[in-house]
Protein backbone atom coordinates (compact mmCIF):
# COMPACT_ATOMS: atom_id res chain seq x y z
CA MET A 1 221.18 100.35 357.88
CA ALA A 2 220.59 98.17 360.59
CA LYS A 3 216.94 99.39 360.91
CA SER A 4 216.09 98.45 357.28
CA SER A 5 217.45 95.00 357.47
CA ARG A 6 215.47 94.45 360.69
CA TYR A 7 212.41 95.51 358.68
CA LYS A 8 212.86 93.06 355.84
CA LYS A 9 213.27 90.10 358.29
CA SER A 10 210.06 90.84 360.14
CA LYS A 11 208.11 91.27 356.90
CA ARG A 12 205.65 88.37 356.24
CA GLY A 13 203.90 87.61 353.05
CA LEU A 14 203.09 85.03 350.43
CA SER A 15 205.31 84.55 347.59
CA THR A 16 203.82 84.82 344.08
CA VAL A 17 204.02 81.03 343.53
CA VAL A 18 202.08 80.14 346.72
CA THR A 19 199.29 82.77 345.72
CA ALA A 20 199.01 81.38 342.25
CA VAL A 21 198.61 77.85 343.41
CA ILE A 22 195.98 78.85 345.86
CA LEU A 23 193.97 80.73 343.38
CA ILE A 24 194.25 77.89 340.98
CA ALA A 25 193.12 75.41 343.70
CA LEU A 26 190.14 77.64 344.50
CA SER A 27 189.07 77.94 340.70
CA MET A 28 189.33 74.19 340.40
CA ALA A 29 187.04 73.72 343.41
CA ALA A 30 184.59 76.20 342.25
CA LEU A 31 184.62 74.53 338.78
CA THR A 32 184.05 71.22 340.30
CA LEU A 33 181.09 72.37 342.33
CA VAL A 34 179.57 73.99 339.11
CA TRP A 35 180.02 70.92 337.17
CA VAL A 36 178.41 68.52 339.71
CA PHE A 37 175.44 70.98 339.82
CA VAL A 38 175.00 71.29 336.26
CA SER A 39 175.60 67.58 335.61
CA ASN A 40 173.08 66.41 337.97
CA MET A 41 170.36 69.05 336.56
CA VAL A 42 171.08 67.68 333.12
CA LYS A 43 170.72 63.94 334.07
CA LYS A 44 167.55 64.77 335.85
CA GLN A 45 166.16 66.42 332.70
CA ILE A 46 167.45 63.42 330.42
CA LYS A 47 165.78 61.04 332.68
CA THR A 48 162.46 62.82 332.33
CA SER A 49 162.47 63.18 328.79
CA GLU A 50 163.52 59.50 328.22
CA SER A 51 160.33 58.40 329.91
CA CYS A 52 158.18 59.93 327.17
CA TYR A 53 160.57 59.78 324.25
CA GLY A 54 159.41 57.20 321.63
CA ASN A 55 156.11 56.66 323.30
CA TYR A 56 154.12 59.26 321.48
CA ASP A 57 152.07 56.90 319.22
CA LYS A 58 151.71 54.09 321.85
CA ILE A 59 148.82 55.74 323.76
CA GLN A 60 146.00 56.52 321.37
CA ILE A 61 142.27 57.33 321.36
CA ASN A 62 140.70 54.66 319.14
CA GLY A 63 138.49 56.85 316.92
CA GLN A 64 136.42 53.76 315.58
CA TYR A 65 134.81 53.42 319.23
CA THR A 66 134.83 57.21 320.09
CA CYS A 67 131.41 59.05 319.60
CA PHE A 68 128.76 61.15 321.43
CA ASN A 69 125.21 60.09 322.12
CA LYS A 70 122.52 62.63 322.67
CA THR A 71 120.35 61.21 325.44
CA SER A 72 117.95 64.21 325.54
CA PRO A 73 117.83 67.60 324.16
CA THR A 74 120.35 68.94 326.80
CA ASN A 75 122.29 65.82 327.79
CA TYR A 76 125.02 64.14 326.11
CA ASP A 77 127.31 61.25 326.75
CA LEU A 78 130.62 60.33 325.27
CA HIS A 79 131.92 56.89 324.46
CA PHE A 80 135.77 56.88 323.86
CA SER A 81 138.27 53.98 323.66
CA LEU A 82 141.89 54.16 324.68
CA SER A 83 144.26 51.80 323.26
CA ILE A 84 147.83 51.21 324.85
CA GLY A 85 150.78 49.70 322.88
CA ASP A 86 153.82 48.11 324.20
CA VAL A 87 154.33 50.63 327.00
CA THR A 88 153.89 50.79 330.77
CA VAL A 89 151.55 53.70 331.63
CA ASP A 90 151.05 55.12 335.19
CA LYS A 91 148.02 56.83 334.36
CA VAL A 92 146.25 58.87 331.51
CA ILE A 93 144.84 62.26 331.77
CA VAL A 94 141.63 62.68 329.46
CA SER A 95 140.39 66.05 328.73
CA VAL A 96 136.97 66.33 327.04
CA SER A 97 135.49 69.60 325.79
CA SER A 98 132.16 70.76 324.83
CA ALA A 99 130.59 74.16 324.47
CA SER A 100 129.52 74.10 328.01
CA VAL A 101 132.24 72.65 330.00
CA THR A 102 135.62 70.82 329.97
CA LYS A 103 136.12 67.98 332.09
CA SER A 104 139.27 66.09 332.97
CA TYR A 105 139.53 62.50 334.06
CA GLU A 106 142.58 60.67 335.54
CA ILE A 107 142.53 57.08 334.73
CA THR A 108 145.05 54.98 336.60
CA ASN A 109 145.94 51.23 336.49
CA VAL A 110 144.13 50.93 339.89
CA PRO A 111 140.24 50.48 339.58
CA GLN A 112 138.60 53.55 341.05
CA ALA A 113 135.36 55.42 340.88
CA ILE A 114 135.45 58.58 338.98
CA ILE A 115 132.23 60.69 338.92
CA GLY A 116 130.67 60.87 335.52
CA LEU A 117 132.91 58.02 334.17
CA SER A 118 132.23 54.32 333.72
CA MET A 119 133.36 51.40 331.59
CA TYR A 120 131.39 50.78 328.52
CA PRO A 121 129.34 48.72 327.79
CA SER A 122 129.13 47.14 331.20
CA GLY A 123 128.52 50.33 333.18
CA ILE A 124 130.90 49.36 335.94
CA SER A 125 131.63 52.52 337.79
CA LEU A 126 135.23 51.39 338.93
CA VAL A 127 137.40 52.33 335.92
CA ASN A 128 141.09 51.53 335.21
CA LEU A 129 143.61 51.62 332.32
CA SER A 130 144.09 48.39 330.21
CA GLY A 131 147.37 46.63 330.25
CA LYS A 132 150.01 46.58 327.59
CA ASN A 133 148.85 45.92 323.86
CA ALA A 134 145.27 46.33 324.85
CA GLY A 135 142.38 48.83 324.98
CA LEU A 136 139.20 49.59 326.92
CA THR A 137 136.10 51.69 326.18
CA TYR A 138 134.60 54.16 328.64
CA LYS A 139 131.38 56.36 328.93
CA ALA A 140 131.45 59.89 330.12
CA THR A 141 128.19 61.54 331.22
CA GLY A 142 126.98 64.91 332.15
CA PHE A 143 127.51 67.03 329.22
CA SER A 144 124.78 69.65 328.35
CA ALA A 145 126.10 70.42 324.97
CA LYS A 146 127.64 68.46 322.09
CA ILE A 147 131.03 67.10 322.84
CA ASP A 148 133.74 68.87 320.72
CA SER A 149 136.97 67.24 321.27
CA ILE A 150 138.94 64.98 323.31
CA GLU A 151 142.64 64.65 324.14
CA ILE A 152 144.88 62.36 326.31
CA ALA A 153 148.19 62.97 328.03
CA PRO A 154 149.90 59.87 329.63
CA TYR A 155 152.25 59.63 332.63
CA ILE A 156 154.91 57.29 331.91
CA GLY A 157 157.68 56.39 334.64
CA GLY A 158 156.13 59.24 336.90
CA THR A 159 156.54 61.86 334.31
CA MET A 160 153.71 63.68 332.58
CA CYS A 161 154.12 63.58 328.84
CA GLU A 162 152.76 65.88 326.24
CA THR A 163 149.40 65.20 324.60
CA SER A 164 149.75 61.99 322.81
CA ASP A 165 146.57 61.96 320.83
CA SER A 166 143.47 64.06 320.24
CA LEU A 167 140.21 64.03 318.18
CA PRO A 168 139.17 67.58 317.34
CA GLU A 169 135.77 66.46 316.04
CA ILE A 170 133.61 63.72 317.71
CA GLU A 171 131.02 61.86 315.53
CA ASP A 172 127.49 61.13 316.63
CA CYS A 173 127.11 57.52 317.64
CA ASN A 174 123.98 56.96 315.50
CA LEU A 175 125.95 57.81 312.57
CA VAL A 176 128.84 55.68 313.37
CA LEU A 177 127.49 52.44 314.80
């Protein structure tokens, strides 16, 4: 009998209560880590979508001043006007499509030279966006076929928004003006 009582005294182990407390603590720590990770990811996505939300109709193509001009049998120019409402825009990506080529222009708030793009009617080669509640007209050159469409996508708060406006058909300037 002495032998078995000595064995019981030297046996070391954790009680069921201590084991349960450790498992609960580990579960809570894991849950906290997952919550922090998911929470930060959701907050980032919300911030990104808030930049563009509600601004869909505030950056538009002014169709009244958007048309193409045939300068020769194989040369077309595009005059397009952008109107910006009550929103601060970082830049606008303008995509112009014709049967021969699709060209994209990145117009920012800082005046810059963009190949094939100038201010209209002045012809100034440094182009920039207008401020809030204003608009400017531009001239894009170098198209060898009739311009088919134009669409714009703004950057607001460092986030690229979806296409905010497009014109699927561009009229001839001689018919519009």
